[in-house]
Structures are given as C-alpha cells and as structure tokens.
Protein backbone atom coordinates (compact mmCIF):
# COMPACT_ATOMS: atom_id res chain seq x y z
CA MET A 1 111.68 27.13 139.00
CA MET A 2 110.28 23.88 139.86
CA ILE A 3 111.21 22.35 143.14
CA ARG A 4 111.40 18.59 143.01
CA ARG A 5 111.09 15.48 145.07
CA SER A 6 112.24 12.00 144.04
CA ALA A 7 111.42 12.23 140.34
CA LEU A 8 112.48 15.16 138.21
CA ALA A 9 110.36 16.43 135.39
CA VAL A 10 110.72 16.86 131.77
CA LEU A 11 113.97 17.31 129.94
CA ALA A 12 114.29 16.25 126.35
CA THR A 13 116.85 17.52 123.89
CA LEU A 14 115.23 18.05 120.54
CA THR A 15 116.88 17.18 117.29
CA ILE A 16 115.59 18.39 113.98
CA GLY A 17 116.46 18.01 110.38
CA GLY A 18 118.55 20.79 108.93
CA ALA A 19 116.50 23.43 107.11
CA ALA A 20 118.04 24.43 103.82
CA ALA A 21 118.39 28.16 103.26
CA CYS A 22 116.01 29.65 100.75
CA THR A 23 114.76 32.99 99.61
CA ASP A 24 111.41 34.34 98.52
CA SER A 25 111.78 36.94 95.85
CA GLY A 26 108.08 37.67 95.62
CA GLN A 27 108.77 41.31 96.42
CA ALA A 28 111.00 43.16 93.98
CA GLY A 29 114.33 44.07 95.54
CA GLU A 30 113.60 42.18 98.76
CA SER A 31 115.10 38.94 100.03
CA PHE A 32 113.26 36.61 102.42
CA THR A 33 115.04 33.88 104.37
CA PRO A 34 113.98 31.15 106.83
CA GLY A 35 113.99 31.72 110.56
CA THR A 36 116.50 29.60 112.43
CA PRO A 37 115.28 26.28 113.94
CA GLY A 38 116.50 27.25 117.41
CA ILE A 39 116.75 30.44 119.44
CA GLY A 40 120.46 30.02 120.20
CA ASP A 41 120.57 28.68 123.75
CA PRO A 42 123.74 26.54 124.04
CA TYR A 43 122.08 24.15 126.51
CA PHE A 44 119.17 23.36 124.19
CA PRO A 45 120.11 24.39 120.65
CA THR A 46 116.71 23.60 119.12
CA TYR A 47 114.50 25.11 121.84
CA GLY A 48 112.68 28.14 120.51
CA ASN A 49 113.06 29.47 116.99
CA GLY A 50 114.41 32.53 115.21
CA GLY A 51 112.87 35.07 112.89
CA TYR A 52 109.88 36.15 114.97
CA ASP A 53 108.66 37.07 118.45
CA VAL A 54 105.32 35.76 119.68
CA THR A 55 103.06 38.29 121.39
CA ASP A 56 100.04 36.07 122.17
CA TYR A 57 98.78 32.48 122.21
CA ALA A 58 95.04 31.85 122.07
CA LEU A 59 94.12 28.16 122.40
CA THR A 60 90.65 26.80 121.68
CA LEU A 61 90.69 23.11 122.60
CA ARG A 62 88.41 20.22 123.47
CA TYR A 63 89.57 17.24 125.52
CA ASP A 64 87.85 13.90 125.99
CA PRO A 65 89.46 11.92 128.83
CA GLY A 66 87.60 8.82 127.68
CA ASN A 67 89.95 8.42 124.71
CA ASP A 68 92.58 11.04 125.63
CA ARG A 69 91.79 12.93 122.44
CA LEU A 70 92.74 16.60 122.26
CA GLU A 71 91.48 18.65 119.35
CA GLY A 72 91.16 22.29 118.39
CA SER A 73 93.33 25.16 117.29
CA ALA A 74 96.11 27.46 118.40
CA LYS A 75 96.08 31.06 117.22
CA ILE A 76 99.58 32.52 117.44
CA THR A 77 100.14 36.25 116.99
CA ALA A 78 103.75 37.20 116.30
CA LYS A 79 106.01 39.90 114.90
CA ALA A 80 108.60 39.12 112.25
CA THR A 81 112.15 40.10 113.22
CA GLN A 82 113.53 39.60 109.72
CA ASN A 83 112.20 39.25 106.20
CA LEU A 84 110.82 35.77 106.77
CA SER A 85 110.21 33.13 104.10
CA ARG A 86 109.33 30.36 106.55
CA PHE A 87 109.46 29.69 110.27
CA ASN A 88 109.43 26.86 112.78
CA LEU A 89 107.21 26.17 115.77
CA ASP A 90 108.19 23.68 118.47
CA PHE A 91 105.47 21.02 118.46
CA ARG A 92 105.47 17.43 119.68
CA GLY A 93 101.66 17.34 119.71
CA PRO A 94 98.98 15.56 117.68
CA GLU A 95 98.55 15.50 113.91
CA VAL A 96 98.15 18.87 112.22
CA SER A 97 95.29 19.14 109.72
CA SER A 98 95.76 22.73 108.55
CA VAL A 99 97.83 25.88 108.99
CA THR A 100 96.92 29.39 107.90
CA VAL A 101 98.98 32.57 108.06
CA ASP A 102 96.97 35.79 107.99
CA GLY A 103 93.98 33.79 106.78
CA ALA A 104 95.72 32.21 103.78
CA GLY A 105 96.62 28.54 103.58
CA ALA A 106 100.24 27.79 104.38
CA GLU A 107 102.44 24.81 103.63
CA GLN A 108 103.34 22.79 106.70
CA LYS A 109 105.50 19.78 107.43
CA ARG A 110 106.82 18.03 110.51
CA GLU A 111 110.58 17.70 111.02
CA ALA A 112 111.22 15.70 114.18
CA ASP A 113 109.76 17.84 117.00
CA GLU A 114 109.25 20.94 114.86
CA LEU A 115 106.39 22.21 112.73
CA VAL A 116 107.83 24.02 109.70
CA VAL A 117 105.47 26.62 108.22
CA THR A 118 105.88 28.25 104.81
CA PRO A 119 103.37 31.08 104.28
CA ALA A 120 101.96 31.89 100.86
CA SER A 121 104.18 34.97 100.67
CA GLY A 122 107.12 36.36 102.60
CA LEU A 123 106.57 38.17 105.90
CA ARG A 124 108.29 41.54 106.09
CA ASP A 125 110.56 42.45 108.97
CA GLY A 126 108.50 44.27 111.61
CA SER A 127 105.14 43.02 110.38
CA THR A 128 102.62 41.39 112.71
CA PHE A 129 101.16 38.11 111.49
CA THR A 130 98.69 35.54 112.80
CA THR A 131 99.14 31.80 112.44
CA VAL A 132 96.32 29.35 113.14
CA VAL A 133 97.24 25.68 113.58
CA THR A 134 94.42 23.13 113.70
CA TYR A 135 95.25 19.71 115.12
CA ALA A 136 93.75 16.60 116.75
CA GLY A 137 94.88 13.38 118.32
CA VAL A 138 96.37 11.86 121.46
CA PRO A 139 99.16 14.03 122.94
CA GLN A 140 102.17 12.25 124.41
CA PRO A 141 104.37 12.90 127.44
CA ILE A 142 107.93 14.14 127.06
CA THR A 143 110.35 11.67 128.61
CA SER A 144 114.01 11.76 129.51
CA PRO A 145 115.97 8.90 131.07
CA GLU A 146 117.88 11.44 133.17
CA LEU A 147 115.08 13.67 134.41
CA GLY A 148 111.81 11.82 134.17
CA THR A 149 108.47 12.52 132.52
CA GLY A 150 106.50 15.68 131.90
CA GLY A 151 104.50 17.49 129.25
CA TRP A 152 100.97 16.18 128.62
CA LEU A 153 100.15 13.47 131.16
CA ALA A 154 96.82 11.65 130.87
CA THR A 155 95.24 10.73 134.21
CA ASP A 156 92.32 8.50 135.25
CA LYS A 157 89.84 11.38 135.03
CA GLY A 158 91.63 14.02 132.99
CA ALA A 159 95.12 15.28 132.25
CA ILE A 160 97.93 17.45 133.56
CA ALA A 161 100.27 19.46 131.31
CA LEU A 162 103.33 20.44 133.29
CA GLY A 163 107.12 20.44 133.23
CA GLN A 164 110.42 22.27 132.92
CA PRO A 165 112.35 23.16 130.82
CA GLU A 166 109.97 21.83 128.16
CA SER A 167 106.27 20.97 128.34
CA ALA A 168 104.18 23.35 126.21
CA SER A 169 105.24 21.76 122.92
CA SER A 170 103.48 18.53 123.90
CA TRP A 171 100.04 20.17 123.63
CA TYR A 172 100.30 23.31 121.49
CA PRO A 173 102.67 24.76 118.87
CA VAL A 174 104.98 27.26 120.51
CA ASN A 175 108.22 29.23 120.41
CA ASP A 176 109.47 27.25 123.37
CA HIS A 177 112.11 29.33 125.14
CA PRO A 178 111.76 31.82 128.03
CA ARG A 179 113.45 34.50 125.93
CA ASP A 180 110.22 34.78 123.91
CA LYS A 181 107.45 35.54 126.40
CA ALA A 182 103.84 36.07 125.33
CA THR A 183 100.38 36.54 126.75
CA PHE A 184 98.22 33.41 126.90
CA GLY A 185 94.56 32.52 126.65
CA LEU A 186 92.88 29.12 126.96
CA GLU A 187 89.38 27.92 126.18
CA MET A 188 89.20 24.26 127.16
CA THR A 189 86.01 22.22 126.72
CA VAL A 190 85.70 19.06 128.82
CA PRO A 191 82.89 16.78 130.00
CA SER A 192 80.71 18.60 132.51
CA GLY A 193 81.64 17.79 136.11
CA LEU A 194 85.38 18.07 135.53
CA SER A 195 87.40 21.13 136.45
CA VAL A 196 89.95 22.93 134.30
CA LEU A 197 92.66 25.00 135.99
CA SER A 198 95.13 27.14 134.09
CA ASN A 199 97.08 30.39 134.23
CA GLY A 200 95.82 33.84 135.06
CA VAL A 201 92.31 35.22 135.50
CA PRO A 202 89.24 32.96 135.15
CA GLY A 203 86.74 33.92 132.49
CA GLU A 204 83.15 32.99 131.71
CA ARG A 205 82.25 29.34 132.03
CA THR A 206 79.57 27.93 129.72
CA SER A 207 77.91 24.50 129.37
CA LYS A 208 76.05 22.77 126.55
CA ASP A 209 75.08 19.17 125.78
CA GLY A 210 77.09 17.67 128.63
CA TRP A 211 80.26 19.66 127.95
CA THR A 212 81.63 22.69 129.78
CA THR A 213 84.03 25.29 128.46
CA TRP A 214 86.43 26.87 130.95
CA ARG A 215 88.25 30.10 130.05
CA TRP A 216 91.50 31.47 131.44
CA ARG A 217 93.58 34.49 130.46
CA GLU A 218 97.13 35.46 131.47
CA SER A 219 97.61 39.08 130.40
CA SER A 220 101.25 39.41 131.45
CA PRO A 221 103.91 37.96 129.13
CA MET A 222 104.74 34.38 130.14
CA ALA A 223 107.54 31.97 129.36
CA SER A 224 106.02 28.96 127.60
CA TYR A 225 107.18 26.35 130.15
CA LEU A 226 105.10 28.23 132.74
CA SER A 227 101.84 27.51 130.93
CA THR A 228 99.74 24.71 132.35
CA VAL A 229 96.38 23.00 132.26
CA VAL A 230 95.07 20.66 134.96
CA ILE A 231 91.89 18.74 134.17
CA GLY A 232 90.09 16.46 136.62
CA ASP A 233 88.10 16.17 139.84
CA TYR A 234 89.24 19.04 142.07
CA ARG A 235 87.90 21.08 144.97
CA VAL A 236 88.06 24.57 143.49
CA THR A 237 87.99 27.54 145.87
CA THR A 238 87.42 30.93 144.30
CA GLY A 239 87.72 34.28 146.02
CA THR A 240 89.56 37.58 145.85
CA HIS A 241 92.72 38.84 147.47
CA GLN A 242 94.03 42.39 147.26
CA GLY A 243 91.29 43.01 144.72
CA LYS A 244 92.45 40.19 142.43
CA PRO A 245 91.04 36.69 141.82
CA LEU A 246 92.47 33.99 144.07
CA VAL A 247 91.73 30.50 142.76
CA THR A 248 93.07 27.35 144.42
CA ALA A 249 92.26 23.71 143.77
CA VAL A 250 93.01 20.45 145.58
CA ASP A 251 92.59 16.96 144.17
CA ASN A 252 89.34 15.53 145.53
CA THR A 253 90.99 12.24 146.46
CA LEU A 254 92.56 14.12 149.39
CA PRO A 255 90.36 14.51 152.47
CA ARG A 256 88.75 17.90 152.91
CA GLY A 257 90.74 19.95 155.41
CA SER A 258 94.02 18.20 154.54
CA ASN A 259 97.41 19.86 154.93
CA ALA A 260 97.21 20.67 151.24
CA ASP A 261 93.98 22.62 151.81
CA LYS A 262 95.54 24.44 154.74
CA ALA A 263 98.64 25.38 152.75
CA MET A 264 96.57 26.65 149.80
CA ALA A 265 94.50 28.73 152.21
CA ARG A 266 97.68 30.64 153.16
CA THR A 267 98.54 31.57 149.57
CA GLY A 268 97.47 35.19 149.92
CA GLU A 269 99.22 35.56 153.28
CA VAL A 270 102.51 34.21 151.92
CA ALA A 271 102.28 36.40 148.81
CA ASP A 272 101.65 39.49 150.96
CA PHE A 273 104.73 38.80 153.07
CA LEU A 274 106.90 38.33 149.98
CA ALA A 275 105.58 41.62 148.60
CA THR A 276 107.07 43.36 151.64
CA GLN A 277 110.45 41.95 150.63
CA PHE A 278 110.35 42.06 146.82
CA GLY A 279 107.86 44.80 145.93
CA PRO A 280 104.30 44.60 144.57
CA TYR A 281 102.96 41.23 143.44
CA PRO A 282 103.46 41.24 139.66
CA PHE A 283 100.34 39.50 138.27
CA ASP A 284 96.56 39.89 138.04
CA ALA A 285 95.65 36.70 139.91
CA TYR A 286 96.78 34.44 142.74
CA GLY A 287 96.36 30.73 143.29
CA GLY A 288 97.69 27.21 143.35
CA VAL A 289 96.76 23.63 142.41
CA VAL A 290 97.60 20.46 144.36
CA VAL A 291 97.76 17.29 142.26
CA VAL A 292 98.05 13.62 143.19
CA ASP A 293 100.10 11.78 140.59
CA ASP A 294 103.12 9.55 141.16
CA ARG A 295 104.77 10.94 138.03
CA ILE A 296 104.75 14.44 139.52
CA ARG A 297 106.94 14.63 142.61
CA TYR A 298 107.79 18.30 142.26
CA ALA A 299 106.22 21.74 142.36
CA LEU A 300 106.38 24.20 139.48
CA GLU A 301 105.83 27.96 139.46
CA THR A 302 103.30 27.96 136.62
CA GLN A 303 102.44 31.64 136.25
CA ALA A 304 99.88 33.03 138.73
CA ARG A 305 98.88 29.46 139.67
CA PRO A 306 101.70 27.17 140.83
CA VAL A 307 101.15 23.41 140.69
CA TYR A 308 102.25 21.32 143.70
CA SER A 309 102.64 17.60 144.18
CA ASN A 310 100.76 16.44 147.25
CA SER A 311 104.01 14.83 148.42
CA PHE A 312 105.01 18.21 149.87
CA PHE A 313 102.11 18.34 152.29
CA GLY A 314 102.73 15.39 154.55
CA ALA A 315 103.99 17.63 157.36
CA SER A 316 101.94 20.33 159.04
CA THR A 317 104.58 22.99 158.33
CA SER A 318 104.75 22.81 154.56
CA GLU A 319 104.23 26.44 153.61
CA TRP A 320 107.92 26.73 152.76
CA VAL A 321 107.15 25.21 149.35
CA VAL A 322 104.36 27.76 148.85
CA ALA A 323 106.87 30.51 149.66
CA HIS A 324 109.31 29.00 147.16
CA GLU A 325 106.83 28.84 144.27
CA LEU A 326 105.25 32.19 145.02
CA ALA A 327 108.69 33.84 145.14
CA HIS A 328 109.11 32.61 141.58
CA GLN A 329 106.22 34.83 140.55
CA TRP A 330 108.74 37.66 140.91
CA PHE A 331 111.95 35.76 140.14
CA GLY A 332 111.51 33.33 137.27
CA ASP A 333 108.05 34.32 136.03
CA SER A 334 107.88 38.12 135.91
CA VAL A 335 111.68 38.34 135.58
CA SER A 336 112.60 35.32 133.45
CA ILE A 337 115.98 33.95 132.47
CA ALA A 338 117.41 34.81 129.07
CA ALA A 339 119.38 31.54 128.94
CA TRP A 340 119.13 28.31 130.91
CA LYS A 341 122.65 28.75 132.30
CA ASP A 342 121.22 31.60 134.40
CA ILE A 343 118.76 29.31 136.23
CA TRP A 344 120.25 30.26 139.62
CA LEU A 345 118.52 33.64 139.23
CA ASN A 346 115.25 31.72 139.60
CA GLU A 347 116.19 29.07 142.13
CA GLY A 348 118.59 31.00 144.35
CA PHE A 349 116.04 33.73 144.99
CA ALA A 350 113.21 31.23 145.57
CA THR A 351 115.36 29.27 148.04
CA TYR A 352 116.19 32.52 149.81
CA ALA A 353 112.47 33.25 150.03
CA GLU A 354 112.07 29.97 151.95
CA TRP A 355 114.58 31.29 154.50
CA LEU A 356 112.86 34.67 154.71
CA TRP A 357 109.50 32.98 155.23
CA ALA A 358 110.91 30.62 157.90
CA GLU A 359 112.22 33.62 159.84
CA HIS A 360 108.88 35.42 159.52
CA ASP A 361 106.63 32.43 160.23
CA THR A 362 108.55 30.25 162.64
CA GLY A 363 111.33 32.49 163.95
CA VAL A 364 114.26 30.60 162.40
CA PRO A 365 116.82 33.32 161.57
CA VAL A 366 117.93 33.61 157.95
CA GLN A 367 121.52 33.48 159.18
CA GLU A 368 120.87 30.10 160.77
CA SER A 369 119.52 28.75 157.47
CA PHE A 370 122.56 30.19 155.70
CA ASP A 371 125.05 28.65 158.15
CA LYS A 372 123.43 25.23 157.86
CA ALA A 373 123.45 25.33 154.07
CA TYR A 374 127.02 26.68 153.94
CA SER A 375 128.23 23.63 155.84
CA SER A 376 126.37 21.09 153.73
CA VAL A 377 126.43 22.32 150.12
CA ASN A 378 128.68 20.66 147.53
CA TRP A 379 131.05 23.47 146.52
CA GLY A 380 132.35 21.44 143.60
CA ASP A 381 129.22 22.21 141.58
CA PRO A 382 128.57 25.78 140.37
CA SER A 383 125.32 27.69 140.68
CA TYR A 384 125.91 29.66 137.49
CA ASP A 385 126.27 27.76 134.21
CA PRO A 386 125.79 24.33 135.85
CA GLY A 387 125.41 22.41 132.57
CA THR A 388 122.29 20.54 131.56
CA SER A 389 122.99 17.70 133.99
CA GLY A 390 123.14 20.16 136.90
CA LEU A 391 120.26 22.35 135.80
CA PHE A 392 118.07 21.39 138.76
CA GLY A 393 120.80 20.28 141.12
CA ASN A 394 121.28 21.19 144.77
CA SER A 395 123.96 23.76 143.94
CA VAL A 396 121.58 25.75 141.77
CA TYR A 397 119.02 25.87 144.59
CA VAL A 398 120.86 25.88 147.89
CA ARG A 399 124.15 27.38 146.75
CA GLY A 400 122.06 29.93 144.85
CA GLY A 401 120.42 30.89 148.15
CA LEU A 402 123.86 31.21 149.75
CA VAL A 403 124.88 33.63 146.99
CA VAL A 404 121.85 35.80 147.68
CA HIS A 405 122.53 35.99 151.42
CA ALA A 406 126.24 36.57 150.88
CA LEU A 407 125.28 39.59 148.77
CA ARG A 408 123.07 40.82 151.61
CA LEU A 409 125.92 40.51 154.11
CA GLU A 410 128.30 42.27 151.73
CA VAL A 411 126.16 45.31 150.87
CA GLY A 412 123.91 45.66 153.95
CA ASP A 413 120.17 45.38 154.30
CA ASP A 414 119.23 48.75 152.82
CA SER A 415 121.12 48.22 149.58
CA PHE A 416 120.20 44.52 149.43
CA PHE A 417 116.45 44.97 149.52
CA GLU A 418 116.72 47.92 147.17
CA ILE A 419 118.58 45.63 144.74
CA LEU A 420 115.87 42.95 144.97
CA GLN A 421 113.03 45.38 144.44
CA GLU A 422 114.81 47.30 141.68
CA TRP A 423 115.57 44.03 139.87
CA ALA A 424 111.94 42.92 140.09
CA ASN A 425 110.74 46.34 138.93
CA THR A 426 113.13 47.17 136.10
CA LYS A 427 113.09 43.68 134.60
CA ARG A 428 109.38 43.06 135.05
CA ASN A 429 107.85 41.09 132.14
CA ALA A 430 111.32 40.67 130.59
CA SER A 431 114.12 38.13 130.42
CA ALA A 432 117.46 38.83 132.05
CA THR A 433 121.02 37.58 132.57
CA THR A 434 123.45 37.15 135.43
CA ASP A 435 125.60 39.93 134.00
CA GLU A 436 122.64 42.29 134.13
CA PHE A 437 121.94 41.38 137.75
CA ILE A 438 125.56 42.00 138.74
CA ALA A 439 125.55 45.36 136.96
CA LEU A 440 122.39 46.43 138.77
CA ALA A 441 123.73 45.28 142.15
CA GLU A 442 126.90 47.29 141.58
CA ARG A 443 124.95 50.38 140.55
CA VAL A 444 122.58 50.27 143.53
CA SER A 445 125.24 49.43 146.13
CA GLY A 446 128.03 51.58 144.69
CA LYS A 447 130.43 48.65 145.23
CA PRO A 448 132.38 46.48 142.78
CA LEU A 449 130.71 43.08 143.13
CA ARG A 450 131.54 41.06 140.02
CA ASP A 451 134.50 39.14 141.44
CA PHE A 452 132.70 38.67 144.76
CA LEU A 453 129.53 37.26 143.19
CA MET A 454 131.28 35.11 140.60
CA THR A 455 133.36 33.55 143.35
CA TRP A 456 130.21 32.67 145.29
CA LEU A 457 128.60 31.36 142.12
CA THR A 458 131.45 29.28 140.71
CA SER A 459 134.32 28.72 143.19
CA LYS A 460 135.13 25.05 143.82
CA THR A 461 136.06 25.84 147.41
CA PRO A 462 133.93 27.54 150.07
CA PRO A 463 134.29 31.34 149.84
CA PRO A 464 134.97 33.08 153.15
CA LYS A 465 131.79 34.33 154.80
CA PRO A 466 131.44 38.11 154.56
CA GLY A 467 132.57 39.70 157.81
CA SER A 468 134.39 36.57 158.99
C-alpha cells in the first residue's frame, strides 16, 4: 500500500440514496433486478457495486491545465453476475452528458457519489456488456478530515490522480473496490510539452495542432485505486529492463542528478533482488514517478509505476521506500486484498521487504530490524482488522512486518520462502484473504499456524519471540 509521511491520502466514506428494488420483465419468464450499490466491504459499504464484474477500462480523455477541464469518455467492459436491470458505477467526477450500454442509449442519474445506469433492456446473467460514459468538467479532489486529500489534484502545470483507498472515482466511472480487478488503458491528450505518466506499457505517442496524446496500457488486472495519471513537466527516462519497458520520471523542479534521480535509477536493481525472494516480477513494465506537491507526502504502489513524494529522497540512502513500493507489485498489486480489513497482507510484506533490502544493500540483519521494531511497536493496535481509523497505522505496517518475520522464525527459511513464492504465484492477478494465507502457510509448512499467526496479528500484549 501507500507509505506515508506527515499527511495521509484520501479516505472518504461514500453515502448514497437507497435504490428501490425493481424488475424488468422484458424477457418472458425472466426476472431482472438492480445490482447492489456496494460490494459488501464492512469498512466501506458503498465502495464498489454488485451485479457485475469489470474486465477492462479504456479511457479516452483530454485535459487542459489552463482551466482544469477534463473531458472524454470511459469505455467499461463488464460481465453481468445476475440478471441485471440496472447497475451503479462509483463516480465523483464531472458532469455526464451521455451513457450507452451495448451501443444503445441508457438512462442515467447521479445519486450522491454514484452514477446509476438503467440500460434499455435487462442484461442476462453471464453476458458481457459494454458501457460508454461521456463526461466533461472540472474534477475535484476527495477530502477527508481524518486522512487528508487525494483523488484528482490540479497542479500549476498539470494534475496528479492518486490516493488510497479511493481515488479513481474522482476522474472516471469505476467499480471501486480491489475485489473487482480489471485491465486498464489510457489515452490522455494534453498540451504539447507536458508529460503524461500512467500504468503499464507505453504506447504510441502522437501530436497534432499543439496537443499530444500519450497512451498507456496495463494488461494485468488492476485494483482501481492503483490506477494513476501524472501530468506535468517531468524528466522522463525510458529504457528496458529484463526485456520489459522501464519508464521513470522526476519532477523537473528537482535538480538533475538529485537523490530522487539516483533512487529511480536503481528501480530495476531493487526489483531484481526482490524477485530472488518472492519469485518472478509479475508485470509487463517497471518504473516510478517522483512528484513535488505538498499535498502528497506519501508513496503509493500504483501498478507497474509507483508514485513517490520527493519528501522521501532527502537522505542519500532512500532506496528503502523503493523496495517497499516495488514489493507491493507482488503483495498488494498482483495479489490484492479481498477486503480492507486484510490490509496487513499488503503492508506487512512491503515492510518486510524493506528489512530484506536493508540486509542485502547495507548489511543490517533482518533480525536486527525485527528486534528494534518488536521493542517499539504499539501492541494495543492489531495488524489484522484494524478498523478504518487504523487502516494505515503503524501496527498495520510495522507490526505486519513483525508477523512476517515471526512466521519465518517459526517455520524455517526453506518453508518461509516457499510460502512467499507460492502465495505470489497461486494468487497472482487475484484478490485474497488472511484466512487463505494462513491455510497456504499451513499446507506448505505442514504445521498448524492459525493460533500462532492470529496471536501475532491481534494480541494486545507482545507475543513471545519464536525460539525464545
């Protein structure tokens, strides 16, 4: 997940009007009912939606930083999971001018932060359908008094769309929960001279009449909060690594050769080390983007191209944050959480990757990092099911790392690294739960581990160190 500094990003609990049940009897003998306005996550009841699974987002957008106007369309390909009379999309973005479903005009209305779509006829369970939403206007940030500001953030020269657990809905209509992952494509047209960075593999870039269209494609399923676009004046470095595109960018207000440039230059090296621990790198591209914006004091593991606040790169040894965000490419991005209460599965593993990298790069033993954290962590706060107020708290991160190392000490190195690599492999491109991780760890190690791991995850007193 994101790792933060002084300001935390983006948390807003949506509320929507209740959708009355209805049926569409357009097909003899068949009943069609609305999809639920929420996917069922107890932390965020209205995040995501029921009745369908998205397979792909294709965005064709134009952005003018002179007036902060975003316009264009989102093409959403999905599969109905019930006989569907209408469905919701999470959308806080600009005014919608039209919606079509499979080429036919559809009724649409806004209910709080949701776009409610009623197609011309019911959608049968199992059918694939395509929704095109056309919209234009000035997108707004998502703000929370507890956790700060995220989503679409206009800047002096462009914009940054970023945040967790919610950001995508500020700039495109979406099924906004990591349980519904989808591939993602972006065509973004901006004034020539500006750069556009996003997820995945870069495509053809074309220019006409003072405007340039940048194209990006993420071909692996992605949780919506991991999508990003960064528009502005950036030093973009393009190359290849392990036969895949490696694209990094650094805000041009930073001096060339800065610590941020040096850290980005080690992206491939850090990823290669983590691959020796976790298994093959899971995506088709590598990269990273360093931004300078006082509203963004965190880093986020946006898929295949993490975004970092420059505040991390004041010291010369700042690659730990690169290790953290790149570890998320395995744990959090490729293997995503099925519910937000399982966030330790993202943050605990990424914190542990910091310790692994420190041992590899600077010689600080993992055990030393563990001992220091064990003595300082607040054991009163759980790693698992921390509540919304603790979602990005120290216990999710640092205590989560302690849990991972405690497992290593309990089962031994051979079983431990087999567990990590098997987890990354068997759950690749999927969403997963803590229960599933415990079951896999027990199967691989041949040891009963549920009580052991739940104690490390939730005990209000320090568990005894394995072997002590």
